[in-house]
Amino acid sequence: MSTVLITGGSGFLGRRLAVALRGRHRVVLAARNHKLNHAAEHFTGCPVIPMDVAHIEAVRDVFGEIRPEIVVHAAATKFVDLAERQPLECIDVNVVGSENVARVAIEKGVAAVVGISTDKAAPPVRNTYGLTKALMERMFCALDGKTATRFACVRYGNVAWSTGSVLPIWKRMHESTGVIGTTGPDMTRFFFTVDSAVALVLTALDHMEDVRGRVLGREMKSARIRDILDLWIKTRGGRWEPIAGRPGERTDEYLLGDAELPFTVERRFDGIRHFVISFNQRAAEPVAAGLSSATAVRLSEAEILDIIGSPPVEELK
């Protein structure tokens, strides 16, 4: 049974990846928050080891002890506004941390590394967080083929109810005052369930030879923020109101930027439409049009209600 190491393993996605992978792999989680590590171990039943990806010797120590064959690199600083105010923290974790994971994975002979990215990395990039993730994508994809270690990335939108997602923020506001403040009611966003996010990582691992050196995304539906809020208020009462915007925000998000189209092909995995982006290799049959949250198929009212009505169990206190 191969060993999978999940960096950022105490996070919302890392914990659920562990649960999905633990039946067919030995799974070890690594993260820097000791309190969350303890809770994640209880939730997943998988061992958790402290590790700060920003410190290469810590990464080297953990890789040497765990000896993973597969690494899922989910560790990241992901708050857009925080990254604008404190860019060094974001760069330390998302760029230097990713570099450290890549260097040590090659050094230790890891078979495969999958980096978790975001639609904010797609051009035109608007914020520091997106830039750091775009650098991770480029770094990982460029490293594939230089050694025996295979690299790929996955890219998707907002994972509903994840840390930093707007949904738990709205929930806290609504429970506290009955009023939800929104920085952009006319913004559009891709929304992705955590099960779909996990499935995309599993697809990358299962089809590594098809996606290595590339970024894998899959078709997602989007919603306008005011449409979600209107349904929230309709079903739960209260009201919503516009508030001041945050630094680094953009009106719409992009799963595929126009500049990436000549390098992107469409693939079907498990019957689902996916996109495979290769930064420097032009596609023989490229995707014809970009995919933004403004042009994507919209979530239906029933789908929105299902997302906002199904917050995860608060297993971490």
C-alpha atoms as a PDB file:
ATOM      1  CA  MET A   1       0.000   0.000   0.000  1.00  0.00           C
ATOM      2  CA  SER A   2       1.504   3.315  -1.088  1.00  0.00           C
ATOM      3  CA  THR A   3       1.866   6.264   1.284  1.00  0.00           C
ATOM      4  CA  VAL A   4       0.173   9.601   0.540  1.00  0.00           C
ATOM      5  CA  LEU A   5       1.297  12.740   2.348  1.00  0.00           C
ATOM      6  CA  ILE A   6      -1.179  15.638   2.355  1.00  0.00           C
ATOM      7  CA  THR A   7       0.332  19.017   3.183  1.00  0.00           C
ATOM      8  CA  GLY A   8      -2.135  21.405   4.757  1.00  0.00           C
ATOM      9  CA  GLY A   9      -3.804  18.225   5.882  1.00  0.00           C
ATOM     10  CA  SER A  10      -5.623  19.761   8.836  1.00  0.00           C
ATOM     11  CA  GLY A  11      -7.576  22.070   6.500  1.00  0.00           C
ATOM     12  CA  PHE A  12     -11.109  21.661   5.199  1.00  0.00           C
ATOM     13  CA  LEU A  13     -10.059  19.990   1.934  1.00  0.00           C
ATOM     14  CA  GLY A  14      -7.103  18.092   3.381  1.00  0.00           C
ATOM     15  CA  ARG A  15      -9.247  16.320   5.964  1.00  0.00           C
ATOM     16  CA  ARG A  16     -11.762  15.171   3.384  1.00  0.00           C
ATOM     17  CA  LEU A  17      -9.065  14.087   0.958  1.00  0.00           C
ATOM     18  CA  ALA A  18      -7.687  11.925   3.747  1.00  0.00           C
ATOM     19  CA  VAL A  19     -11.051  10.250   4.284  1.00  0.00           C
ATOM     20  CA  ALA A  20     -11.410   9.611   0.546  1.00  0.00           C
ATOM     21  CA  LEU A  21      -7.888   8.184   0.147  1.00  0.00           C
ATOM     22  CA  ARG A  22      -7.431   6.207   3.353  1.00  0.00           C
ATOM     23  CA  GLY A  23      -9.137   3.076   2.003  1.00  0.00           C
ATOM     24  CA  ARG A  24      -6.595   2.542  -0.746  1.00  0.00           C
ATOM     25  CA  HIS A  25      -3.494   4.250   0.647  1.00  0.00           C
ATOM     26  CA  ARG A  26      -1.673   4.854   3.890  1.00  0.00           C
ATOM     27  CA  VAL A  27      -2.459   8.517   4.450  1.00  0.00           C
ATOM     28  CA  VAL A  28      -0.447  10.919   6.599  1.00  0.00           C
ATOM     29  CA  LEU A  29      -1.428  14.537   7.158  1.00  0.00           C
ATOM     30  CA  ALA A  30       1.037  17.369   7.743  1.00  0.00           C
ATOM     31  CA  ALA A  31       0.251  20.929   8.850  1.00  0.00           C
ATOM     32  CA  ARG A  32       1.613  23.609  11.172  1.00  0.00           C
ATOM     33  CA  ASN A  33      -1.362  24.253  13.505  1.00  0.00           C
ATOM     34  CA  HIS A  34      -1.038  21.859  16.448  1.00  0.00           C
ATOM     35  CA  LYS A  35      -4.598  22.301  17.696  1.00  0.00           C
ATOM     36  CA  LEU A  36      -6.091  21.647  14.269  1.00  0.00           C
ATOM     37  CA  ASN A  37      -3.689  18.740  13.749  1.00  0.00           C
ATOM     38  CA  HIS A  38      -5.047  16.994  16.834  1.00  0.00           C
ATOM     39  CA  ALA A  39      -8.633  17.540  15.726  1.00  0.00           C
ATOM     40  CA  ALA A  40      -7.855  16.401  12.163  1.00  0.00           C
ATOM     41  CA  GLU A  41      -6.338  13.174  13.453  1.00  0.00           C
ATOM     42  CA  HIS A  42      -9.523  12.514  15.418  1.00  0.00           C
ATOM     43  CA  PHE A  43     -11.730  13.312  12.403  1.00  0.00           C
ATOM     44  CA  THR A  44      -9.809  11.291   9.797  1.00  0.00           C
ATOM     45  CA  GLY A  45      -8.283   8.462  11.796  1.00  0.00           C
ATOM     46  CA  CYS A  46      -5.027   9.196   9.988  1.00  0.00           C
ATOM     47  CA  PRO A  47      -1.724  10.113  11.648  1.00  0.00           C
ATOM     48  CA  VAL A  48      -0.845  13.816  11.613  1.00  0.00           C
ATOM     49  CA  ILE A  49       2.635  15.278  11.868  1.00  0.00           C
ATOM     50  CA  PRO A  50       3.565  18.958  12.377  1.00  0.00           C
ATOM     51  CA  MET A  51       5.224  20.614   9.385  1.00  0.00           C
ATOM     52  CA  ASP A  52       5.587  24.183   8.142  1.00  0.00           C
ATOM     53  CA  VAL A  53       6.145  24.104   4.373  1.00  0.00           C
ATOM     54  CA  ALA A  54       7.894  27.495   4.535  1.00  0.00           C
ATOM     55  CA  HIS A  55      10.868  25.827   6.270  1.00  0.00           C
ATOM     56  CA  ILE A  56      12.662  23.382   3.994  1.00  0.00           C
ATOM     57  CA  GLU A  57      14.365  21.470   6.791  1.00  0.00           C
ATOM     58  CA  ALA A  58      10.972  20.773   8.355  1.00  0.00           C
ATOM     59  CA  VAL A  59       9.758  19.494   4.983  1.00  0.00           C
ATOM     60  CA  ARG A  60      12.890  17.412   4.585  1.00  0.00           C
ATOM     61  CA  ASP A  61      12.497  15.896   8.046  1.00  0.00           C
ATOM     62  CA  VAL A  62       8.878  14.882   7.446  1.00  0.00           C
ATOM     63  CA  PHE A  63       9.509  13.462   3.975  1.00  0.00           C
ATOM     64  CA  GLY A  64      12.451  11.496   5.339  1.00  0.00           C
ATOM     65  CA  GLU A  65      10.352  10.034   8.122  1.00  0.00           C
ATOM     66  CA  ILE A  66       7.137   9.361   6.183  1.00  0.00           C
ATOM     67  CA  ARG A  67       8.727   8.357   2.839  1.00  0.00           C
ATOM     68  CA  PRO A  68       5.660   9.183   0.713  1.00  0.00           C
ATOM     69  CA  GLU A  69       5.178   7.897  -2.812  1.00  0.00           C
ATOM     70  CA  ILE A  70       2.480  10.519  -3.484  1.00  0.00           C
ATOM     71  CA  VAL A  71       2.187  14.099  -2.204  1.00  0.00           C
ATOM     72  CA  VAL A  72      -0.967  16.204  -2.390  1.00  0.00           C
ATOM     73  CA  HIS A  73       0.163  19.767  -1.752  1.00  0.00           C
ATOM     74  CA  ALA A  74      -2.811  21.564  -0.205  1.00  0.00           C
ATOM     75  CA  ALA A  75      -0.959  23.829   2.248  1.00  0.00           C
ATOM     76  CA  ALA A  76      -1.647  27.476   1.430  1.00  0.00           C
ATOM     77  CA  THR A  77      -2.451  30.928   2.681  1.00  0.00           C
ATOM     78  CA  LYS A  78      -5.709  31.596   0.829  1.00  0.00           C
ATOM     79  CA  PHE A  79      -7.312  34.787   2.175  1.00  0.00           C
ATOM     80  CA  VAL A  80      -7.287  37.312  -0.672  1.00  0.00           C
ATOM     81  CA  ASP A  81      -7.479  40.449   1.472  1.00  0.00           C
ATOM     82  CA  LEU A  82      -4.867  39.193   3.954  1.00  0.00           C
ATOM     83  CA  ALA A  83      -2.478  38.438   1.098  1.00  0.00           C
ATOM     84  CA  GLU A  84      -2.837  42.029  -0.139  1.00  0.00           C
ATOM     85  CA  ARG A  85      -2.011  43.422   3.301  1.00  0.00           C
ATOM     86  CA  GLN A  86       0.591  40.819   4.284  1.00  0.00           C
ATOM     87  CA  PRO A  87       2.128  39.621   1.007  1.00  0.00           C
ATOM     88  CA  LEU A  88       5.278  38.166   2.591  1.00  0.00           C
ATOM     89  CA  GLU A  89       3.265  35.575   4.520  1.00  0.00           C
ATOM     90  CA  CYS A  90       1.439  34.572   1.342  1.00  0.00           C
ATOM     91  CA  ILE A  91       4.674  34.335  -0.652  1.00  0.00           C
ATOM     92  CA  ASP A  92       6.443  32.402   2.107  1.00  0.00           C
ATOM     93  CA  VAL A  93       3.743  29.725   2.202  1.00  0.00           C
ATOM     94  CA  ASN A  94       2.411  29.610  -1.354  1.00  0.00           C
ATOM     95  CA  VAL A  95       5.611  30.180  -3.340  1.00  0.00           C
ATOM     96  CA  VAL A  96       8.552  29.290  -1.104  1.00  0.00           C
ATOM     97  CA  GLY A  97       6.535  26.524   0.554  1.00  0.00           C
ATOM     98  CA  SER A  98       5.623  25.041  -2.821  1.00  0.00           C
ATOM     99  CA  GLU A  99       9.251  25.303  -3.908  1.00  0.00           C
ATOM    100  CA  ASN A 100      10.334  23.460  -0.766  1.00  0.00           C
ATOM    101  CA  VAL A 101       7.814  20.682  -1.324  1.00  0.00           C
ATOM    102  CA  ALA A 102       8.927  20.314  -4.946  1.00  0.00           C
ATOM    103  CA  ARG A 103      12.656  20.310  -4.130  1.00  0.00           C
ATOM    104  CA  VAL A 104      12.311  17.727  -1.378  1.00  0.00           C
ATOM    105  CA  ALA A 105       9.907  15.567  -3.409  1.00  0.00           C
ATOM    106  CA  ILE A 106      12.554  15.343  -6.144  1.00  0.00           C
ATOM    107  CA  GLU A 107      15.335  14.816  -3.623  1.00  0.00           C
ATOM    108  CA  LYS A 108      13.466  11.956  -1.906  1.00  0.00           C
ATOM    109  CA  GLY A 109      12.251  10.309  -5.109  1.00  0.00           C
ATOM    110  CA  VAL A 110       8.521  10.908  -4.624  1.00  0.00           C
ATOM    111  CA  ALA A 111       6.616   9.387  -7.541  1.00  0.00           C
ATOM    112  CA  ALA A 112       3.904  12.035  -7.975  1.00  0.00           C
ATOM    113  CA  VAL A 113       2.990  15.489  -6.645  1.00  0.00           C
ATOM    114  CA  VAL A 114      -0.389  17.173  -7.161  1.00  0.00           C
ATOM    115  CA  GLY A 115      -0.668  20.876  -6.296  1.00  0.00           C
ATOM    116  CA  ILE A 116      -4.009  22.400  -5.316  1.00  0.00           C
ATOM    117  CA  SER A 117      -4.631  25.656  -7.199  1.00  0.00           C
ATOM    118  CA  THR A 118      -7.465  28.119  -7.708  1.00  0.00           C
ATOM    119  CA  ASP A 119      -9.399  29.914 -10.407  1.00  0.00           C
ATOM    120  CA  LYS A 120      -7.753  33.089  -9.117  1.00  0.00           C
ATOM    121  CA  ALA A 121      -4.543  31.862 -10.796  1.00  0.00           C
ATOM    122  CA  ALA A 122      -6.147  32.107 -14.251  1.00  0.00           C
ATOM    123  CA  PRO A 123      -5.385  35.196 -16.321  1.00  0.00           C
ATOM    124  CA  PRO A 124      -6.014  38.041 -15.945  1.00  0.00           C
ATOM    125  CA  VAL A 125      -4.678  37.648 -12.393  1.00  0.00           C
ATOM    126  CA  ARG A 126      -6.010  40.331 -10.070  1.00  0.00           C
ATOM    127  CA  ASN A 127      -4.450  39.715  -6.662  1.00  0.00           C
ATOM    128  CA  THR A 128      -1.352  38.550  -4.802  1.00  0.00           C
ATOM    129  CA  TYR A 129      -2.952  35.269  -3.791  1.00  0.00           C
ATOM    130  CA  GLY A 130      -3.723  34.460  -7.428  1.00  0.00           C
ATOM    131  CA  LEU A 131      -0.180  35.375  -8.463  1.00  0.00           C
ATOM    132  CA  THR A 132       1.328  33.032  -5.879  1.00  0.00           C
ATOM    133  CA  LYS A 133      -0.855  30.172  -7.048  1.00  0.00           C
ATOM    134  CA  ALA A 134      -0.064  30.932 -10.677  1.00  0.00           C
ATOM    135  CA  LEU A 135       3.634  30.682  -9.804  1.00  0.00           C
ATOM    136  CA  MET A 136       3.038  27.337  -8.113  1.00  0.00           C
ATOM    137  CA  GLU A 137       1.261  26.053 -11.232  1.00  0.00           C
ATOM    138  CA  ARG A 138       4.101  27.169 -13.497  1.00  0.00           C
ATOM    139  CA  MET A 139       6.753  25.808 -11.152  1.00  0.00           C
ATOM    140  CA  PHE A 140       5.211  22.372 -10.777  1.00  0.00           C
ATOM    141  CA  CYS A 141       4.406  21.971 -14.463  1.00  0.00           C
ATOM    142  CA  ALA A 142       7.885  23.090 -15.530  1.00  0.00           C
ATOM    143  CA  LEU A 143       9.508  20.603 -13.143  1.00  0.00           C
ATOM    144  CA  ASP A 144       7.675  17.627 -14.598  1.00  0.00           C
ATOM    145  CA  GLY A 145       9.923  15.553 -16.830  1.00  0.00           C
ATOM    146  CA  LYS A 146      13.186  16.817 -15.354  1.00  0.00           C
ATOM    147  CA  THR A 147      13.375  13.892 -12.911  1.00  0.00           C
ATOM    148  CA  ALA A 148      11.402  10.748 -12.165  1.00  0.00           C
ATOM    149  CA  THR A 149       8.974  12.767 -10.022  1.00  0.00           C
ATOM    150  CA  ARG A 150       5.763  13.608 -11.871  1.00  0.00           C
ATOM    151  CA  PHE A 151       3.999  16.908 -11.187  1.00  0.00           C
ATOM    152  CA  ALA A 152       0.499  18.205 -11.945  1.00  0.00           C
ATOM    153  CA  CYS A 153      -1.928  20.763 -10.556  1.00  0.00           C
ATOM    154  CA  VAL A 154      -5.694  20.957 -10.201  1.00  0.00           C
ATOM    155  CA  ARG A 155      -7.617  24.231 -10.435  1.00  0.00           C
ATOM    156  CA  TYR A 156     -11.114  24.990  -9.213  1.00  0.00           C
ATOM    157  CA  GLY A 157     -13.345  27.678  -7.715  1.00  0.00           C
ATOM    158  CA  ASN A 158     -14.826  28.328  -4.302  1.00  0.00           C
ATOM    159  CA  VAL A 159     -15.235  25.130  -2.329  1.00  0.00           C
ATOM    160  CA  ALA A 160     -18.521  25.668  -0.529  1.00  0.00           C
ATOM    161  CA  TRP A 161     -18.185  25.976   3.258  1.00  0.00           C
ATOM    162  CA  SER A 162     -14.389  25.700   3.177  1.00  0.00           C
ATOM    163  CA  THR A 163     -12.144  27.868   5.325  1.00  0.00           C
ATOM    164  CA  GLY A 164     -12.248  31.354   3.875  1.00  0.00           C
ATOM    165  CA  SER A 165     -15.371  30.628   1.830  1.00  0.00           C
ATOM    166  CA  VAL A 166     -18.027  33.318   1.940  1.00  0.00           C
ATOM    167  CA  LEU A 167     -20.700  30.893   3.215  1.00  0.00           C
ATOM    168  CA  PRO A 168     -19.422  30.387   6.789  1.00  0.00           C
ATOM    169  CA  ILE A 169     -18.752  34.144   6.976  1.00  0.00           C
ATOM    170  CA  TRP A 170     -22.348  34.860   6.004  1.00  0.00           C
ATOM    171  CA  LYS A 171     -23.579  32.243   8.471  1.00  0.00           C
ATOM    172  CA  ARG A 172     -21.757  33.927  11.347  1.00  0.00           C
ATOM    173  CA  MET A 173     -23.064  37.357  10.335  1.00  0.00           C
ATOM    174  CA  HIS A 174     -26.630  36.092  10.016  1.00  0.00           C
ATOM    175  CA  GLU A 175     -26.591  34.292  13.341  1.00  0.00           C
ATOM    176  CA  SER A 176     -25.069  37.313  15.069  1.00  0.00           C
ATOM    177  CA  THR A 177     -27.155  40.200  13.727  1.00  0.00           C
ATOM    178  CA  GLY A 178     -29.599  38.892  11.127  1.00  0.00           C
ATOM    179  CA  VAL A 179     -27.827  41.062   8.555  1.00  0.00           C
ATOM    180  CA  ILE A 180     -25.367  39.763   5.946  1.00  0.00           C
ATOM    181  CA  GLY A 181     -22.874  42.222   4.491  1.00  0.00           C
ATOM    182  CA  THR A 182     -21.610  41.577   0.977  1.00  0.00           C
ATOM    183  CA  THR A 183     -18.744  43.317  -0.784  1.00  0.00           C
ATOM    184  CA  GLY A 184     -20.046  42.573  -4.270  1.00  0.00           C
ATOM    185  CA  PRO A 185     -23.674  41.570  -4.844  1.00  0.00           C
ATOM    186  CA  ASP A 186     -23.195  41.601  -8.622  1.00  0.00           C
ATOM    187  CA  MET A 187     -20.022  39.543  -8.586  1.00  0.00           C
ATOM    188  CA  THR A 188     -20.165  36.010  -9.976  1.00  0.00           C
ATOM    189  CA  ARG A 189     -18.313  33.047  -8.561  1.00  0.00           C
ATOM    190  CA  PHE A 190     -17.802  29.374  -9.306  1.00  0.00           C
ATOM    191  CA  PHE A 191     -19.101  27.206  -6.480  1.00  0.00           C
ATOM    192  CA  PHE A 192     -17.827  23.681  -5.991  1.00  0.00           C
ATOM    193  CA  THR A 193     -18.856  21.090  -3.405  1.00  0.00           C
ATOM    194  CA  VAL A 194     -16.072  19.534  -1.375  1.00  0.00           C
ATOM    195  CA  ASP A 195     -16.984  16.142  -2.863  1.00  0.00           C
ATOM    196  CA  SER A 196     -16.352  17.543  -6.358  1.00  0.00           C
ATOM    197  CA  ALA A 197     -13.069  19.069  -5.181  1.00  0.00           C
ATOM    198  CA  VAL A 198     -11.933  15.736  -3.796  1.00  0.00           C
ATOM    199  CA  ALA A 199     -13.024  13.989  -6.997  1.00  0.00           C
ATOM    200  CA  LEU A 200     -10.865  16.323  -9.103  1.00  0.00           C
ATOM    201  CA  VAL A 201      -7.763  15.429  -7.084  1.00  0.00           C
ATOM    202  CA  LEU A 202      -8.572  11.736  -7.415  1.00  0.00           C
ATOM    203  CA  THR A 203      -8.991  12.175 -11.171  1.00  0.00           C
ATOM    204  CA  ALA A 204      -5.558  13.788 -11.388  1.00  0.00           C
ATOM    205  CA  LEU A 205      -3.993  10.922  -9.440  1.00  0.00           C
ATOM    206  CA  ASP A 206      -5.824   8.262 -11.467  1.00  0.00           C
ATOM    207  CA  HIS A 207      -4.867   9.881 -14.792  1.00  0.00           C
ATOM    208  CA  MET A 208      -1.428  11.205 -13.913  1.00  0.00           C
ATOM    209  CA  GLU A 209       0.108  10.154 -17.220  1.00  0.00           C
ATOM    210  CA  ASP A 210      -2.527  12.202 -19.075  1.00  0.00           C
ATOM    211  CA  VAL A 211      -2.227  15.344 -16.927  1.00  0.00           C
ATOM    212  CA  ARG A 212       1.411  15.397 -15.785  1.00  0.00           C
ATOM    213  CA  GLY A 213       3.102  18.703 -16.464  1.00  0.00           C
ATOM    214  CA  ARG A 214      -0.309  20.320 -16.817  1.00  0.00           C
ATOM    215  CA  VAL A 215      -3.153  21.920 -14.896  1.00  0.00           C
ATOM    216  CA  LEU A 216      -6.418  19.997 -14.664  1.00  0.00           C
ATOM    217  CA  GLY A 217      -9.777  21.715 -14.222  1.00  0.00           C
ATOM    218  CA  ARG A 218     -13.322  20.583 -14.702  1.00  0.00           C
ATOM    219  CA  GLU A 219     -16.515  22.244 -15.790  1.00  0.00           C
ATOM    220  CA  MET A 220     -18.204  24.104 -12.954  1.00  0.00           C
ATOM    221  CA  LYS A 221     -21.385  26.072 -12.517  1.00  0.00           C
ATOM    222  CA  SER A 222     -21.472  29.599 -11.174  1.00  0.00           C
ATOM    223  CA  ALA A 223     -23.836  31.937  -9.379  1.00  0.00           C
ATOM    224  CA  ARG A 224     -24.318  35.652  -8.917  1.00  0.00           C
ATOM    225  CA  ILE A 225     -23.800  36.626  -5.291  1.00  0.00           C
ATOM    226  CA  ARG A 226     -27.083  38.489  -4.940  1.00  0.00           C
ATOM    227  CA  ASP A 227     -28.996  35.441  -6.201  1.00  0.00           C
ATOM    228  CA  ILE A 228     -27.501  33.301  -3.437  1.00  0.00           C
ATOM    229  CA  LEU A 229     -28.184  35.970  -0.823  1.00  0.00           C
ATOM    230  CA  ASP A 230     -31.780  36.451  -1.963  1.00  0.00           C
ATOM    231  CA  LEU A 231     -32.457  32.738  -1.505  1.00  0.00           C
ATOM    232  CA  TRP A 232     -30.639  32.729   1.831  1.00  0.00           C
ATOM    233  CA  ILE A 233     -32.818  35.567   3.151  1.00  0.00           C
ATOM    234  CA  LYS A 234     -35.978  34.122   1.615  1.00  0.00           C
ATOM    235  CA  THR A 235     -35.511  30.837   3.461  1.00  0.00           C
ATOM    236  CA  ARG A 236     -33.983  32.123   6.721  1.00  0.00           C
ATOM    237  CA  GLY A 237     -35.162  35.680   7.173  1.00  0.00           C
ATOM    238  CA  GLY A 238     -33.158  38.812   7.891  1.00  0.00           C
ATOM    239  CA  ARG A 239     -31.650  40.959   5.174  1.00  0.00           C
ATOM    240  CA  TRP A 240     -28.440  41.598   3.272  1.00  0.00           C
ATOM    241  CA  GLU A 241     -26.699  44.865   2.502  1.00  0.00           C
ATOM    242  CA  PRO A 242     -23.698  46.027   0.443  1.00  0.00           C
ATOM    243  CA  ILE A 243     -20.518  46.861   2.346  1.00  0.00           C
ATOM    244  CA  ALA A 244     -17.110  48.233   1.322  1.00  0.00           C
ATOM    245  CA  GLY A 245     -15.112  46.049  -1.034  1.00  0.00           C
ATOM    246  CA  ARG A 246     -11.930  44.209  -0.103  1.00  0.00           C
ATOM    247  CA  PRO A 247      -8.547  44.721  -1.762  1.00  0.00           C
ATOM    248  CA  GLY A 248      -7.734  42.265  -4.526  1.00  0.00           C
ATOM    249  CA  GLU A 249     -11.276  41.300  -5.473  1.00  0.00           C
ATOM    250  CA  ARG A 250     -12.433  41.047  -9.088  1.00  0.00           C
ATOM    251  CA  THR A 251     -15.967  40.990 -10.438  1.00  0.00           C
ATOM    252  CA  ASP A 252     -15.776  37.591 -12.133  1.00  0.00           C
ATOM    253  CA  GLU A 253     -13.469  34.587 -11.902  1.00  0.00           C
ATOM    254  CA  TYR A 254     -11.942  32.536 -14.730  1.00  0.00           C
ATOM    255  CA  LEU A 255     -11.430  28.815 -14.903  1.00  0.00           C
ATOM    256  CA  LEU A 256      -9.763  29.293 -18.287  1.00  0.00           C
ATOM    257  CA  GLY A 257      -8.296  32.645 -19.261  1.00  0.00           C
ATOM    258  CA  ASP A 258      -8.257  33.719 -22.899  1.00  0.00           C
ATOM    259  CA  ALA A 259      -4.448  33.610 -22.961  1.00  0.00           C
ATOM    260  CA  GLU A 260      -4.584  29.914 -22.031  1.00  0.00           C
ATOM    261  CA  LEU A 261      -6.958  28.794 -24.778  1.00  0.00           C
ATOM    262  CA  PRO A 262      -4.320  27.879 -27.404  1.00  0.00           C
ATOM    263  CA  PHE A 263      -2.718  25.568 -24.840  1.00  0.00           C
ATOM    264  CA  THR A 264      -5.877  23.901 -23.487  1.00  0.00           C
ATOM    265  CA  VAL A 265      -7.657  20.736 -24.582  1.00  0.00           C
ATOM    266  CA  GLU A 266     -10.943  19.253 -23.477  1.00  0.00           C
ATOM    267  CA  ARG A 267     -10.985  15.739 -22.035  1.00  0.00           C
ATOM    268  CA  ARG A 268     -13.682  13.468 -20.630  1.00  0.00           C
ATOM    269  CA  PHE A 269     -12.841  11.677 -17.424  1.00  0.00           C
ATOM    270  CA  ASP A 270     -15.543   9.553 -15.809  1.00  0.00           C
ATOM    271  CA  GLY A 271     -18.055  11.148 -18.169  1.00  0.00           C
ATOM    272  CA  ILE A 272     -17.299  14.670 -16.908  1.00  0.00           C
ATOM    273  CA  ARG A 273     -15.960  17.504 -19.057  1.00  0.00           C
ATOM    274  CA  HIS A 274     -12.448  18.473 -17.968  1.00  0.00           C
ATOM    275  CA  PHE A 275      -9.857  20.942 -19.229  1.00  0.00           C
ATOM    276  CA  VAL A 276      -6.132  20.193 -19.434  1.00  0.00           C
ATOM    277  CA  ILE A 277      -3.904  23.276 -19.613  1.00  0.00           C
ATOM    278  CA  SER A 278      -0.336  23.060 -20.907  1.00  0.00           C
ATOM    279  CA  PHE A 279       1.433  26.396 -20.593  1.00  0.00           C
ATOM    280  CA  ASN A 280       3.964  26.118 -23.420  1.00  0.00           C
ATOM    281  CA  GLN A 281       2.701  23.353 -25.687  1.00  0.00           C
ATOM    282  CA  ARG A 282       0.086  24.462 -28.178  1.00  0.00           C
ATOM    283  CA  ALA A 283      -2.873  22.144 -28.533  1.00  0.00           C
ATOM    284  CA  ALA A 284      -3.735  20.553 -31.877  1.00  0.00           C
ATOM    285  CA  GLU A 285      -7.441  21.015 -31.098  1.00  0.00           C
ATOM    286  CA  PRO A 286      -7.599  23.806 -28.520  1.00  0.00           C
ATOM    287  CA  VAL A 287     -10.641  24.851 -26.549  1.00  0.00           C
ATOM    288  CA  ALA A 288     -12.453  27.563 -28.498  1.00  0.00           C
ATOM    289  CA  ALA A 289     -13.715  29.837 -25.716  1.00  0.00           C
ATOM    290  CA  GLY A 290     -12.661  30.814 -22.231  1.00  0.00           C
ATOM    291  CA  LEU A 291     -14.735  29.908 -19.219  1.00  0.00           C
ATOM    292  CA  SER A 292     -15.575  32.577 -16.679  1.00  0.00           C
ATOM    293  CA  SER A 293     -18.069  32.685 -13.856  1.00  0.00           C
ATOM    294  CA  ALA A 294     -19.961  35.308 -15.894  1.00  0.00           C
ATOM    295  CA  THR A 295     -20.428  32.981 -18.892  1.00  0.00           C
ATOM    296  CA  ALA A 296     -20.635  29.575 -17.203  1.00  0.00           C
ATOM    297  CA  VAL A 297     -23.887  27.698 -16.726  1.00  0.00           C
ATOM    298  CA  ARG A 298     -25.603  29.077 -13.628  1.00  0.00           C
ATOM    299  CA  LEU A 299     -26.545  27.028 -10.625  1.00  0.00           C
ATOM    300  CA  SER A 300     -30.274  26.451 -10.434  1.00  0.00           C
ATOM    301  CA  GLU A 301     -32.305  27.667  -7.473  1.00  0.00           C
ATOM    302  CA  ALA A 302     -32.515  24.076  -6.232  1.00  0.00           C
ATOM    303  CA  GLU A 303     -28.738  23.650  -6.529  1.00  0.00           C
ATOM    304  CA  ILE A 304     -28.111  26.888  -4.629  1.00  0.00           C
ATOM    305  CA  LEU A 305     -30.521  25.858  -1.894  1.00  0.00           C
ATOM    306  CA  ASP A 306     -28.778  22.509  -1.633  1.00  0.00           C
ATOM    307  CA  ILE A 307     -25.383  24.197  -1.210  1.00  0.00           C
ATOM    308  CA  ILE A 308     -26.423  26.819   1.334  1.00  0.00           C
ATOM    309  CA  GLY A 309     -28.630  24.384   3.199  1.00  0.00           C
ATOM    310  CA  SER A 310     -25.929  21.779   3.720  1.00  0.00           C
ATOM    311  CA  PRO A 311     -23.127  23.213   5.888  1.00  0.00           C
ATOM    312  CA  PRO A 312     -20.662  20.549   7.024  1.00  0.00           C
ATOM    313  CA  VAL A 313     -20.727  19.181  10.531  1.00  0.00           C
ATOM    314  CA  GLU A 314     -18.500  21.403  12.671  1.00  0.00           C
ATOM    315  CA  GLU A 315     -16.145  18.646  13.692  1.00  0.00           C
ATOM    316  CA  LEU A 316     -13.266  20.983  14.594  1.00  0.00           C
ATOM    317  CA  LYS A 317     -13.798  23.076  17.700  1.00  0.00           C
END
